[in-house]
Amino acid sequence: MQTGIDPRSLIGRRAFDINGVKIGTVDEVYLDDATGRPEWAAVRTGLFSRDAFVPLEPSDFIEDHLRVPFDKALIKDAPDFGVGRHLSPEQELQLYHHYGLEVPLPDATAAGPADRDFGTLAGES
């Protein structure tokens, strides 16, 4: 995702899949507790459905919406961890595997995925 974008500006924005099909609306943005970087977004997939977690990297914020480079079916099939809580390192790994993404390697300045905890920017209980 582009740097310099306030993650709060994503809340309430529409999200679309790789084919331009609307997925839903961004409910929450999850920050990496170690780095403070936005890592995941919870997207409400319908009026009576759940939120699906989508990775913010390699997604793009284009004009007024989030473009997620995955098909809607894959996104709706993502593991359901509920929203408003921290993502555990194990949950994060499940999401990386679900999307077929490479797990980021730890560096000297940030904790690796196995020792990171993900907080939520909006909607904390």
N, C-alpha and C. Protein backbone atom coordinates (compact mmCIF):
# COMPACT_ATOMS: atom_id res chain seq x y z
N MET A 1 0.85 -1.17 0.00
CA MET A 1 0.00 0.00 0.00
C MET A 1 0.89 1.23 0.00
N GLN A 2 0.42 2.29 -0.57
CA GLN A 2 1.22 3.50 -0.63
C GLN A 2 1.55 4.00 0.78
N THR A 3 2.76 4.50 0.93
CA THR A 3 3.13 5.07 2.22
C THR A 3 2.57 6.47 2.33
N GLY A 4 2.46 6.96 3.53
CA GLY A 4 2.00 8.32 3.73
C GLY A 4 0.48 8.45 3.81
N ILE A 5 -0.25 7.35 3.68
CA ILE A 5 -1.70 7.39 3.78
C ILE A 5 -2.09 7.11 5.22
N ASP A 6 -2.92 7.96 5.79
CA ASP A 6 -3.40 7.75 7.15
C ASP A 6 -4.35 6.56 7.12
N PRO A 7 -4.03 5.49 7.88
CA PRO A 7 -4.90 4.31 7.84
C PRO A 7 -6.33 4.61 8.26
N ARG A 8 -6.53 5.64 9.07
CA ARG A 8 -7.90 6.00 9.47
C ARG A 8 -8.73 6.41 8.26
N SER A 9 -8.06 6.90 7.22
CA SER A 9 -8.79 7.33 6.03
C SER A 9 -9.38 6.13 5.26
N LEU A 10 -8.94 4.92 5.58
CA LEU A 10 -9.48 3.74 4.92
C LEU A 10 -10.82 3.30 5.51
N ILE A 11 -11.06 3.63 6.78
CA ILE A 11 -12.27 3.19 7.46
C ILE A 11 -13.49 3.80 6.75
N GLY A 12 -14.43 2.92 6.43
CA GLY A 12 -15.64 3.36 5.73
C GLY A 12 -15.50 3.39 4.22
N ARG A 13 -14.30 3.15 3.71
CA ARG A 13 -14.11 3.16 2.25
C ARG A 13 -14.51 1.82 1.66
N ARG A 14 -14.93 1.86 0.41
CA ARG A 14 -15.28 0.63 -0.29
C ARG A 14 -14.01 -0.13 -0.67
N ALA A 15 -14.12 -1.46 -0.68
CA ALA A 15 -13.01 -2.31 -1.09
C ALA A 15 -13.45 -3.16 -2.28
N PHE A 16 -12.56 -3.30 -3.24
CA PHE A 16 -12.82 -4.06 -4.46
C PHE A 16 -11.76 -5.13 -4.65
N ASP A 17 -12.14 -6.23 -5.32
CA ASP A 17 -11.18 -7.30 -5.58
C ASP A 17 -10.37 -7.00 -6.83
N ILE A 18 -9.56 -7.97 -7.23
CA ILE A 18 -8.67 -7.80 -8.38
C ILE A 18 -9.44 -7.56 -9.68
N ASN A 19 -10.68 -8.03 -9.74
CA ASN A 19 -11.50 -7.88 -10.95
C ASN A 19 -12.41 -6.66 -10.91
N GLY A 20 -12.28 -5.84 -9.86
CA GLY A 20 -13.13 -4.66 -9.75
C GLY A 20 -14.49 -4.93 -9.14
N VAL A 21 -14.68 -6.14 -8.59
CA VAL A 21 -15.94 -6.51 -7.95
C VAL A 21 -15.92 -6.01 -6.51
N LYS A 22 -16.99 -5.36 -6.08
CA LYS A 22 -17.04 -4.84 -4.71
C LYS A 22 -17.03 -5.98 -3.71
N ILE A 23 -16.13 -5.88 -2.72
CA ILE A 23 -16.04 -6.85 -1.64
C ILE A 23 -16.90 -6.39 -0.49
N GLY A 24 -16.78 -5.12 -0.14
CA GLY A 24 -17.51 -4.57 0.99
C GLY A 24 -16.91 -3.25 1.41
N THR A 25 -17.00 -2.97 2.71
CA THR A 25 -16.53 -1.70 3.27
C THR A 25 -15.53 -1.97 4.38
N VAL A 26 -14.46 -1.18 4.41
CA VAL A 26 -13.43 -1.35 5.44
C VAL A 26 -14.01 -0.93 6.79
N ASP A 27 -14.00 -1.88 7.74
CA ASP A 27 -14.49 -1.63 9.10
C ASP A 27 -13.36 -1.21 10.04
N GLU A 28 -12.23 -1.89 9.92
CA GLU A 28 -11.12 -1.66 10.84
C GLU A 28 -9.80 -1.83 10.12
N VAL A 29 -8.77 -1.20 10.66
CA VAL A 29 -7.41 -1.35 10.16
C VAL A 29 -6.57 -1.83 11.33
N TYR A 30 -5.78 -2.87 11.08
CA TYR A 30 -4.94 -3.46 12.12
C TYR A 30 -3.49 -3.05 11.91
N LEU A 31 -2.90 -2.55 12.99
CA LEU A 31 -1.51 -2.09 12.96
C LEU A 31 -0.61 -3.12 13.61
N ASP A 32 0.60 -3.23 13.10
CA ASP A 32 1.62 -4.06 13.73
C ASP A 32 2.05 -3.34 15.00
N ASP A 33 1.93 -3.99 16.15
CA ASP A 33 2.28 -3.35 17.43
C ASP A 33 3.75 -2.97 17.50
N ALA A 34 4.62 -3.73 16.84
CA ALA A 34 6.05 -3.46 16.91
C ALA A 34 6.45 -2.28 16.03
N THR A 35 5.86 -2.19 14.84
CA THR A 35 6.29 -1.15 13.89
C THR A 35 5.29 -0.01 13.75
N GLY A 36 4.02 -0.26 14.12
CA GLY A 36 2.99 0.75 13.94
C GLY A 36 2.46 0.84 12.52
N ARG A 37 2.97 0.00 11.64
CA ARG A 37 2.53 0.02 10.24
C ARG A 37 1.19 -0.68 10.08
N PRO A 38 0.32 -0.15 9.23
CA PRO A 38 -0.94 -0.85 8.93
C PRO A 38 -0.63 -2.13 8.16
N GLU A 39 -1.17 -3.26 8.61
CA GLU A 39 -0.88 -4.55 8.00
C GLU A 39 -2.11 -5.23 7.41
N TRP A 40 -3.25 -5.14 8.10
CA TRP A 40 -4.45 -5.85 7.69
C TRP A 40 -5.65 -4.92 7.80
N ALA A 41 -6.67 -5.18 6.99
CA ALA A 41 -7.94 -4.47 7.10
C ALA A 41 -9.04 -5.51 7.23
N ALA A 42 -10.03 -5.20 8.05
CA ALA A 42 -11.22 -6.03 8.16
C ALA A 42 -12.28 -5.39 7.28
N VAL A 43 -12.77 -6.16 6.31
CA VAL A 43 -13.74 -5.65 5.34
C VAL A 43 -15.07 -6.35 5.58
N ARG A 44 -16.12 -5.55 5.84
CA ARG A 44 -17.48 -6.08 6.01
C ARG A 44 -17.96 -6.52 4.65
N THR A 45 -18.23 -7.82 4.49
CA THR A 45 -18.54 -8.37 3.17
C THR A 45 -20.01 -8.34 2.81
N GLY A 46 -20.87 -7.87 3.69
CA GLY A 46 -22.29 -7.78 3.39
C GLY A 46 -23.06 -7.35 4.61
N LEU A 47 -24.32 -7.04 4.43
CA LEU A 47 -25.14 -6.54 5.52
C LEU A 47 -25.19 -7.48 6.72
N PHE A 48 -25.36 -8.77 6.47
CA PHE A 48 -25.47 -9.73 7.57
C PHE A 48 -24.30 -10.70 7.61
N SER A 49 -23.23 -10.39 6.91
CA SER A 49 -22.10 -11.31 6.90
C SER A 49 -20.98 -10.78 7.79
N ARG A 50 -19.94 -11.49 7.81
CA ARG A 50 -18.82 -11.20 8.69
C ARG A 50 -17.79 -10.29 8.02
N ASP A 51 -16.80 -9.93 8.79
CA ASP A 51 -15.67 -9.19 8.24
C ASP A 51 -14.62 -10.20 7.77
N ALA A 52 -13.98 -9.91 6.65
CA ALA A 52 -12.89 -10.73 6.12
C ALA A 52 -11.61 -9.91 6.22
N PHE A 53 -10.55 -10.54 6.70
CA PHE A 53 -9.27 -9.85 6.79
C PHE A 53 -8.60 -9.88 5.42
N VAL A 54 -8.08 -8.71 5.01
CA VAL A 54 -7.33 -8.60 3.76
C VAL A 54 -5.99 -7.94 4.06
N PRO A 55 -4.95 -8.36 3.34
CA PRO A 55 -3.64 -7.76 3.56
C PRO A 55 -3.57 -6.37 2.92
N LEU A 56 -2.99 -5.43 3.62
CA LEU A 56 -2.84 -4.09 3.05
C LEU A 56 -1.62 -4.01 2.14
N GLU A 57 -0.69 -4.92 2.28
CA GLU A 57 0.42 -5.03 1.34
C GLU A 57 0.20 -6.34 0.63
N PRO A 58 -0.10 -6.44 -0.58
CA PRO A 58 0.13 -5.55 -1.70
C PRO A 58 -1.10 -4.80 -2.22
N SER A 59 -2.06 -4.49 -1.37
CA SER A 59 -3.25 -3.73 -1.80
C SER A 59 -2.89 -2.28 -2.10
N ASP A 60 -3.77 -1.61 -2.81
CA ASP A 60 -3.55 -0.20 -3.16
C ASP A 60 -4.76 0.62 -2.77
N PHE A 61 -4.50 1.85 -2.36
CA PHE A 61 -5.56 2.81 -2.10
C PHE A 61 -5.61 3.70 -3.34
N ILE A 62 -6.68 3.54 -4.12
CA ILE A 62 -6.81 4.24 -5.40
C ILE A 62 -8.01 5.16 -5.32
N GLU A 63 -7.77 6.45 -5.54
CA GLU A 63 -8.81 7.47 -5.45
C GLU A 63 -9.51 7.37 -4.10
N ASP A 64 -10.69 6.76 -4.06
CA ASP A 64 -11.43 6.72 -2.80
C ASP A 64 -11.74 5.30 -2.34
N HIS A 65 -10.99 4.30 -2.85
CA HIS A 65 -11.29 2.93 -2.46
C HIS A 65 -10.01 2.09 -2.33
N LEU A 66 -10.17 0.95 -1.68
CA LEU A 66 -9.08 0.00 -1.50
C LEU A 66 -9.21 -1.08 -2.57
N ARG A 67 -8.13 -1.32 -3.30
CA ARG A 67 -8.11 -2.37 -4.33
C ARG A 67 -7.24 -3.50 -3.80
N VAL A 68 -7.87 -4.67 -3.56
CA VAL A 68 -7.19 -5.84 -3.01
C VAL A 68 -6.88 -6.80 -4.16
N PRO A 69 -5.62 -7.20 -4.34
CA PRO A 69 -5.26 -7.99 -5.52
C PRO A 69 -5.57 -9.48 -5.41
N PHE A 70 -6.75 -9.80 -4.90
CA PHE A 70 -7.20 -11.18 -4.79
C PHE A 70 -8.66 -11.25 -5.21
N ASP A 71 -9.10 -12.44 -5.61
CA ASP A 71 -10.47 -12.66 -6.03
C ASP A 71 -11.41 -12.64 -4.81
N LYS A 72 -12.62 -12.13 -5.02
CA LYS A 72 -13.61 -12.01 -3.95
C LYS A 72 -13.87 -13.34 -3.25
N ALA A 73 -13.90 -14.44 -3.99
CA ALA A 73 -14.16 -15.76 -3.39
C ALA A 73 -13.06 -16.12 -2.38
N LEU A 74 -11.82 -15.86 -2.72
CA LEU A 74 -10.71 -16.14 -1.80
C LEU A 74 -10.81 -15.26 -0.56
N ILE A 75 -11.16 -14.01 -0.75
CA ILE A 75 -11.28 -13.06 0.36
C ILE A 75 -12.40 -13.50 1.30
N LYS A 76 -13.55 -13.86 0.75
CA LYS A 76 -14.68 -14.28 1.58
C LYS A 76 -14.39 -15.60 2.30
N ASP A 77 -13.42 -16.36 1.81
CA ASP A 77 -13.04 -17.64 2.40
C ASP A 77 -11.93 -17.50 3.45
N ALA A 78 -11.48 -16.29 3.69
CA ALA A 78 -10.38 -16.07 4.65
C ALA A 78 -10.79 -16.52 6.05
N PRO A 79 -9.83 -16.97 6.86
CA PRO A 79 -10.15 -17.37 8.24
C PRO A 79 -10.87 -16.24 8.98
N ASP A 80 -11.85 -16.62 9.79
CA ASP A 80 -12.66 -15.66 10.54
C ASP A 80 -12.18 -15.63 11.99
N PHE A 81 -11.59 -14.50 12.39
CA PHE A 81 -11.08 -14.35 13.74
C PHE A 81 -11.90 -13.36 14.56
N GLY A 82 -12.98 -12.85 14.00
CA GLY A 82 -13.73 -11.81 14.68
C GLY A 82 -12.95 -10.50 14.56
N VAL A 83 -13.58 -9.42 14.91
CA VAL A 83 -12.91 -8.12 14.83
C VAL A 83 -12.90 -7.45 16.19
N GLY A 84 -12.09 -6.41 16.32
CA GLY A 84 -12.02 -5.67 17.56
C GLY A 84 -11.05 -6.23 18.57
N ARG A 85 -10.29 -7.24 18.17
CA ARG A 85 -9.29 -7.85 19.05
C ARG A 85 -7.95 -7.87 18.33
N HIS A 86 -6.92 -8.14 19.09
CA HIS A 86 -5.61 -8.30 18.47
C HIS A 86 -5.57 -9.59 17.66
N LEU A 87 -4.81 -9.56 16.59
CA LEU A 87 -4.52 -10.78 15.84
C LEU A 87 -3.30 -11.41 16.49
N SER A 88 -3.39 -12.67 16.80
CA SER A 88 -2.23 -13.37 17.38
C SER A 88 -1.23 -13.68 16.26
N PRO A 89 0.01 -13.98 16.62
CA PRO A 89 0.99 -14.36 15.59
C PRO A 89 0.52 -15.58 14.79
N GLU A 90 -0.15 -16.53 15.44
CA GLU A 90 -0.63 -17.72 14.75
C GLU A 90 -1.73 -17.35 13.75
N GLN A 91 -2.61 -16.44 14.13
CA GLN A 91 -3.68 -16.01 13.22
C GLN A 91 -3.09 -15.28 12.02
N GLU A 92 -2.10 -14.45 12.29
CA GLU A 92 -1.45 -13.74 11.19
C GLU A 92 -0.82 -14.73 10.20
N LEU A 93 -0.15 -15.75 10.72
CA LEU A 93 0.45 -16.76 9.84
C LEU A 93 -0.62 -17.47 9.01
N GLN A 94 -1.76 -17.77 9.63
CA GLN A 94 -2.86 -18.39 8.88
C GLN A 94 -3.30 -17.50 7.73
N LEU A 95 -3.37 -16.19 7.97
CA LEU A 95 -3.78 -15.26 6.92
C LEU A 95 -2.74 -15.20 5.80
N TYR A 96 -1.46 -15.13 6.17
CA TYR A 96 -0.41 -15.13 5.13
C TYR A 96 -0.52 -16.38 4.27
N HIS A 97 -0.70 -17.54 4.91
CA HIS A 97 -0.81 -18.80 4.15
C HIS A 97 -2.07 -18.82 3.30
N HIS A 98 -3.18 -18.33 3.83
CA HIS A 98 -4.43 -18.31 3.08
C HIS A 98 -4.27 -17.53 1.77
N TYR A 99 -3.60 -16.40 1.84
CA TYR A 99 -3.44 -15.56 0.66
C TYR A 99 -2.22 -15.94 -0.18
N GLY A 100 -1.47 -16.96 0.27
CA GLY A 100 -0.29 -17.38 -0.49
C GLY A 100 0.81 -16.34 -0.48
N LEU A 101 0.84 -15.54 0.58
CA LEU A 101 1.85 -14.48 0.69
C LEU A 101 3.07 -14.99 1.46
N GLU A 102 4.21 -14.45 1.10
CA GLU A 102 5.44 -14.78 1.81
C GLU A 102 5.41 -14.09 3.17
N VAL A 103 5.75 -14.83 4.19
CA VAL A 103 5.79 -14.27 5.54
C VAL A 103 7.02 -13.36 5.62
N PRO A 104 6.84 -12.11 6.03
CA PRO A 104 7.98 -11.18 6.10
C PRO A 104 9.03 -11.70 7.09
N LEU A 105 10.27 -11.53 6.71
CA LEU A 105 11.37 -11.91 7.60
C LEU A 105 11.60 -10.82 8.62
N PRO A 106 11.95 -11.22 9.83
CA PRO A 106 12.24 -10.20 10.85
C PRO A 106 13.51 -9.45 10.48
N ASP A 107 13.59 -8.20 10.90
CA ASP A 107 14.83 -7.45 10.73
C ASP A 107 15.29 -6.97 12.09
N ALA A 108 16.36 -6.26 12.12
CA ALA A 108 16.95 -5.85 13.39
C ALA A 108 16.10 -4.84 14.13
N THR A 109 15.21 -4.13 13.45
CA THR A 109 14.44 -3.07 14.10
C THR A 109 13.01 -3.45 14.41
N ALA A 110 12.54 -4.58 13.92
CA ALA A 110 11.15 -4.96 14.15
C ALA A 110 11.05 -6.43 14.52
N ALA A 111 10.04 -6.75 15.26
CA ALA A 111 9.80 -8.14 15.62
C ALA A 111 9.32 -8.91 14.40
N GLY A 112 9.63 -10.18 14.35
CA GLY A 112 9.17 -11.03 13.25
C GLY A 112 7.73 -11.43 13.48
N PRO A 113 7.10 -12.04 12.46
CA PRO A 113 5.69 -12.39 12.59
C PRO A 113 5.42 -13.33 13.75
N ALA A 114 6.40 -14.14 14.12
CA ALA A 114 6.17 -15.07 15.23
C ALA A 114 6.10 -14.34 16.57
N ASP A 115 6.67 -13.12 16.67
CA ASP A 115 6.60 -12.41 17.95
C ASP A 115 5.82 -11.12 17.84
N ARG A 116 5.04 -10.94 16.80
CA ARG A 116 4.28 -9.70 16.65
C ARG A 116 2.85 -9.91 17.09
N ASP A 117 2.26 -8.84 17.51
CA ASP A 117 0.86 -8.85 17.89
C ASP A 117 0.22 -7.70 17.11
N PHE A 118 -0.98 -7.90 16.63
CA PHE A 118 -1.60 -6.88 15.81
C PHE A 118 -2.78 -6.27 16.53
N GLY A 119 -2.71 -4.96 16.69
CA GLY A 119 -3.78 -4.22 17.32
C GLY A 119 -4.72 -3.69 16.26
N THR A 120 -5.78 -3.15 16.70
CA THR A 120 -6.76 -2.58 15.78
C THR A 120 -6.78 -1.07 15.95
N LEU A 121 -6.94 -0.38 14.86
CA LEU A 121 -6.95 1.07 14.88
C LEU A 121 -8.32 1.61 15.25
N ALA A 122 -9.35 0.95 14.81
CA ALA A 122 -10.71 1.43 15.07
C ALA A 122 -11.57 0.29 15.60
N GLY A 123 -12.48 0.61 16.43
CA GLY A 123 -13.43 -0.37 16.91
C GLY A 123 -12.93 -1.24 18.04
N GLU A 124 -11.91 -0.81 18.78
CA GLU A 124 -11.44 -1.63 19.89
C GLU A 124 -12.49 -1.75 20.95
N SER A 125 -12.59 -2.96 21.48
CA SER A 125 -13.59 -3.22 22.53
C SER A 125 -13.02 -2.92 23.89
